[in-house]
Each structure stands twice: as structure tokens, then as C-alpha cells.
Amino acid sequence: MAEQPAPNLAQTVLHFLSDLPPEQKQRYQQELNRFVVWHGGQRPIGELHPKEVADYADSLSLSTEATAKRLEPLRDFLAYAKKAKLTTTNLGVHLRVTRSTPKKKKAQRGPGRVAAVTLTAEGYAALESKLAALKQERPRLAEEIHRAAADKDFRENAPLEAAREHHGQIEGQIRELEATLKAASVMQARESASLRVALGQR
């Protein structure tokens, strides 16, 4: 008899939701759907890594209290996955609330209002590399939106909303990096060496 394939993330979420009371199911559904779209619904749940789960929690740019509330359904779901032996560990322990998020948001500037910065050649190249990597994500994100729009398994099109939100976050990062690189001046090799010496003398 052929071995049954491991359940994917979307199937596991649907099974988890089906066992919840109606009120709790309604409360958990949207956040779990966002989690599915973020990580890819077709991925076997056993392939999720702790860092990916932690990165998802970090992506929630909300107040500490609001983030903790949004993480509650995910913690319960990941505890369920561990209890059902679908994951080797309880990945929910990696859903930590980042208390520095409000400060980060406060420091953000409006579009196109990036202050002039001076970068080393290495720093400029690193930003260019990050920008290129984000741009390579565009086709995958477009495919996620397309799949979510065609998915009839979820109510209220929450996966579509989450896919669009994720796409918007990536596009925002791309615009920010492009503006930073445009406003940046690259430090000459002599200036960079002088700066390193000066820092070493402190």
C-alpha cells in the first residue's frame, strides 16, 4: 500500500479549523489564512523552519498588544501540529512579540523623503544585492495572488487579502531601497580607510 503524502500547510489549517467551535473558528480563520499564504499553502507542514515562523511574527508591524493577539491563533495551531506529530517541535515558541516595532515605525519617513546617506562601497553593494533579491520575489508573489484569487476553499478571500498585503510590504521595501540608493553617496576608498582608523582609535 502506497504511503500517504505528508499533509500540506493549507490542508492542516483546514483540519484544525474544522474541529473548532464556530465562534473560535471565525476568529482564528483570517489570521491562519494569512499564515498559509505567507509560507505557501502547498508546502508540507513538516518543512516549516523556526526562523521562518519567527520572521512571520517580526513582519507584523503592530503594537505589542495587537501583535500578541494576532499570534494567539498561530500558537494554538502550531501546538496542535506538534500534538498531531506533524512537526517535530512546537514551532509556536518561536512566535515572539518584537517590542521594538513601534520605534521602527516612528523612524520611518514618507515616500521619497530619504535623508542623504554616505555608504562604503561594500555597504552600497549589499543594498543593491538585497534590492535585486526582493525584485526576484515579484513573480512568485504574483503567482501567490493568482492562486489565492482562484482558491474557493477559504471564505471571505482572506488568502487573497494576505497575499496582496505581503506583496505590498515587499514593494514598499523595494521603493525604500531604491530611494536610499538614489540618495546615497559612496565613500571613496581613502575615506573608508580613514574612517576605520578613526574608529579604531576611539
Protein backbone atom coordinates (compact mmCIF):
# COMPACT_ATOMS: atom_id res chain seq x y z
CA MET A 1 0.00 0.00 0.00
CA ALA A 2 1.40 3.39 -1.02
CA GLU A 3 2.44 5.70 1.79
CA GLN A 4 0.16 8.70 2.24
CA PRO A 5 1.86 12.02 1.37
CA ALA A 6 2.51 14.40 4.25
CA PRO A 7 -0.30 16.97 4.62
CA ASN A 8 0.48 20.42 3.35
CA LEU A 9 0.05 23.60 5.37
CA ALA A 10 -3.32 24.56 3.85
CA GLN A 11 -4.81 21.09 4.50
CA THR A 12 -3.57 21.09 8.09
CA VAL A 13 -5.09 24.52 8.77
CA LEU A 14 -8.45 23.44 7.33
CA HIS A 15 -8.44 20.31 9.50
CA PHE A 16 -7.53 22.35 12.60
CA LEU A 17 -10.29 24.89 11.92
CA SER A 18 -12.90 22.17 11.33
CA ASP A 19 -12.55 21.00 14.96
CA LEU A 20 -13.04 24.46 16.48
CA PRO A 21 -16.31 25.89 17.83
CA PRO A 22 -17.93 28.25 15.25
CA GLU A 23 -17.10 31.44 17.15
CA GLN A 24 -13.46 30.49 17.66
CA LYS A 25 -13.18 29.27 14.08
CA GLN A 26 -14.34 32.63 12.76
CA ARG A 27 -11.86 34.44 14.99
CA TYR A 28 -8.91 32.23 14.02
CA GLN A 29 -9.60 31.78 10.32
CA GLN A 30 -8.34 35.04 8.86
CA GLU A 31 -5.02 35.05 10.73
CA LEU A 32 -4.34 31.42 9.90
CA ASN A 33 -5.12 32.09 6.25
CA ARG A 34 -2.55 34.90 6.25
CA PHE A 35 -0.01 32.48 7.72
CA VAL A 36 -0.78 29.93 4.97
CA VAL A 37 -0.32 32.45 2.16
CA TRP A 38 2.88 33.81 3.67
CA HIS A 39 4.57 30.40 3.85
CA GLY A 40 2.89 28.74 0.84
CA GLY A 41 -0.17 26.54 1.24
CA GLN A 42 1.24 23.61 -0.73
CA ARG A 43 4.31 23.21 1.48
CA PRO A 44 4.38 20.10 3.69
CA ILE A 45 3.91 21.41 7.20
CA GLY A 46 6.88 19.38 8.39
CA GLU A 47 9.18 21.58 6.27
CA LEU A 48 8.47 24.76 8.25
CA HIS A 49 11.57 26.11 9.98
CA PRO A 50 11.72 28.01 13.29
CA LYS A 51 13.35 31.05 11.63
CA GLU A 52 10.52 31.30 9.09
CA VAL A 53 7.96 31.29 11.89
CA ALA A 54 9.94 33.92 13.81
CA ASP A 55 10.27 36.08 10.66
CA TYR A 56 6.50 35.98 10.19
CA ALA A 57 5.97 37.29 13.73
CA ASP A 58 8.52 40.05 13.07
CA SER A 59 6.63 41.08 9.92
CA LEU A 60 3.54 42.10 11.93
CA SER A 61 4.19 45.83 12.27
CA LEU A 62 1.73 46.42 15.08
CA SER A 63 1.79 47.42 18.72
CA THR A 64 2.97 44.77 21.17
CA GLU A 65 -0.57 44.11 22.42
CA ALA A 66 -2.05 43.83 18.91
CA THR A 67 0.74 41.53 17.74
CA ALA A 68 0.28 39.23 20.74
CA LYS A 69 -3.44 38.96 19.94
CA ARG A 70 -2.75 38.08 16.29
CA LEU A 71 -0.22 35.42 17.28
CA GLU A 72 -2.66 33.57 19.57
CA PRO A 73 -4.34 31.53 16.76
CA LEU A 74 -0.93 30.63 15.33
CA ARG A 75 0.39 29.41 18.66
CA ASP A 76 -2.67 27.19 19.12
CA PHE A 77 -2.37 25.86 15.56
CA LEU A 78 1.36 25.07 15.86
CA ALA A 79 0.77 23.37 19.23
CA TYR A 80 -1.91 21.26 17.51
CA ALA A 81 0.52 20.36 14.70
CA LYS A 82 3.11 19.17 17.25
CA LYS A 83 0.49 17.17 19.19
CA ALA A 84 -0.61 15.54 15.92
CA LYS A 85 3.07 14.70 15.22
CA LEU A 86 3.05 16.75 12.02
CA THR A 87 6.06 18.74 13.25
CA THR A 88 8.95 17.52 15.37
CA THR A 89 8.82 20.51 17.72
CA ASN A 90 6.27 23.10 18.79
CA LEU A 91 7.13 25.93 16.40
CA GLY A 92 4.79 28.23 18.31
CA VAL A 93 7.55 29.01 20.82
CA HIS A 94 9.30 30.99 18.06
CA LEU A 95 6.34 33.40 17.70
CA ARG A 96 7.82 36.14 19.85
CA VAL A 97 6.48 39.67 20.10
CA THR A 98 9.06 42.23 18.98
CA ARG A 99 8.79 45.11 21.42
CA SER A 100 10.92 47.45 19.31
CA THR A 101 8.41 47.54 16.43
CA PRO A 102 6.73 50.87 17.38
CA LYS A 103 10.13 52.59 17.45
CA LYS A 104 10.91 51.30 13.99
CA LYS A 105 7.62 52.62 12.67
CA LYS A 106 8.24 56.01 14.28
CA ALA A 107 11.54 56.32 12.47
CA GLN A 108 10.04 55.70 9.04
CA ARG A 109 9.87 58.59 6.59
CA GLY A 110 7.34 59.37 3.91
CA PRO A 111 7.84 58.09 0.34
CA GLY A 112 10.73 59.79 -1.41
CA ARG A 113 11.89 61.57 1.77
CA VAL A 114 15.03 59.55 2.39
CA ALA A 115 17.82 61.52 4.04
CA ALA A 116 21.16 61.67 2.25
CA VAL A 117 23.48 58.92 3.45
CA THR A 118 27.12 58.06 2.87
CA LEU A 119 27.90 54.38 2.35
CA THR A 120 31.04 52.36 1.88
CA ALA A 121 31.34 50.53 -1.43
CA GLU A 122 30.62 47.28 0.42
CA GLY A 123 27.51 48.72 2.07
CA TYR A 124 26.20 50.07 -1.23
CA ALA A 125 26.77 46.69 -2.90
CA ALA A 126 24.96 44.91 -0.06
CA LEU A 127 21.89 47.14 -0.51
CA GLU A 128 21.97 46.55 -4.26
CA SER A 129 22.10 42.79 -3.66
CA LYS A 130 19.14 42.94 -1.26
CA LEU A 131 17.16 45.03 -3.77
CA ALA A 132 17.85 42.51 -6.55
CA ALA A 133 16.73 39.62 -4.30
CA LEU A 134 13.46 41.40 -3.46
CA LYS A 135 12.75 42.09 -7.14
CA GLN A 136 13.24 38.39 -7.89
CA GLU A 137 10.38 37.70 -5.45
CA ARG A 138 7.88 39.55 -7.65
CA PRO A 139 6.96 36.62 -9.98
CA ARG A 140 6.41 34.28 -7.00
CA LEU A 141 4.24 36.84 -5.22
CA ALA A 142 2.21 37.43 -8.37
CA GLU A 143 1.63 33.67 -8.62
CA GLU A 144 0.54 33.57 -4.95
CA ILE A 145 -2.02 36.30 -5.62
CA HIS A 146 -3.25 34.42 -8.69
CA ARG A 147 -3.64 31.15 -6.74
CA ALA A 148 -5.32 32.88 -3.81
CA ALA A 149 -7.79 34.60 -6.14
CA ALA A 150 -8.74 31.21 -7.63
CA ASP A 151 -8.94 29.39 -4.28
CA LYS A 152 -12.54 28.61 -3.27
CA ASP A 153 -11.70 26.73 -0.06
CA PHE A 154 -11.43 29.81 2.11
CA ARG A 155 -14.20 32.23 2.96
CA GLU A 156 -14.08 35.99 2.51
CA ASN A 157 -10.99 35.70 0.29
CA ALA A 158 -8.67 36.20 3.26
CA PRO A 159 -5.76 34.47 1.45
CA LEU A 160 -6.11 36.96 -1.40
CA GLU A 161 -6.05 39.85 1.06
CA ALA A 162 -2.98 38.41 2.81
CA ALA A 163 -1.18 37.80 -0.50
CA ARG A 164 -1.81 41.38 -1.56
CA GLU A 165 -0.66 42.66 1.83
CA HIS A 166 2.58 40.64 1.58
CA HIS A 167 3.10 41.91 -1.97
CA GLY A 168 2.59 45.48 -0.75
CA GLN A 169 5.18 45.01 2.00
CA ILE A 170 7.77 43.75 -0.49
CA GLU A 171 7.03 46.60 -2.91
CA GLY A 172 7.40 49.06 -0.02
CA GLN A 173 10.83 47.64 0.82
CA ILE A 174 11.84 47.85 -2.85
CA ARG A 175 10.82 51.51 -3.07
CA GLU A 176 12.64 52.31 0.18
CA LEU A 177 15.84 50.64 -1.00
CA GLU A 178 15.65 52.34 -4.39
CA ALA A 179 15.22 55.74 -2.71
CA THR A 180 18.10 55.05 -0.31
CA LEU A 181 20.45 54.01 -3.13
CA LYS A 182 19.43 57.05 -5.16
CA ALA A 183 20.15 59.40 -2.25
CA ALA A 184 23.37 57.66 -1.20
CA SER A 185 26.88 58.78 -1.96
CA VAL A 186 29.63 56.16 -1.99
CA MET A 187 32.61 56.78 0.24
CA GLN A 188 35.96 56.77 -1.54
CA ALA A 189 38.43 54.05 -0.58
CA ARG A 190 40.70 56.59 1.16
CA GLU A 191 37.80 57.98 3.21
CA SER A 192 36.69 54.48 4.17
CA ALA A 193 40.19 53.56 5.36
CA SER A 194 40.45 56.83 7.36
CA LEU A 195 37.09 56.13 8.99
CA ARG A 196 38.18 52.64 10.05
CA VAL A 197 41.40 54.05 11.57
CA ALA A 198 39.47 56.79 13.39
CA LEU A 199 37.00 54.29 14.82
CA GLY A 200 39.89 52.07 15.93
CA GLN A 201 41.44 54.96 17.83
CA ARG A 202 38.35 55.60 19.96
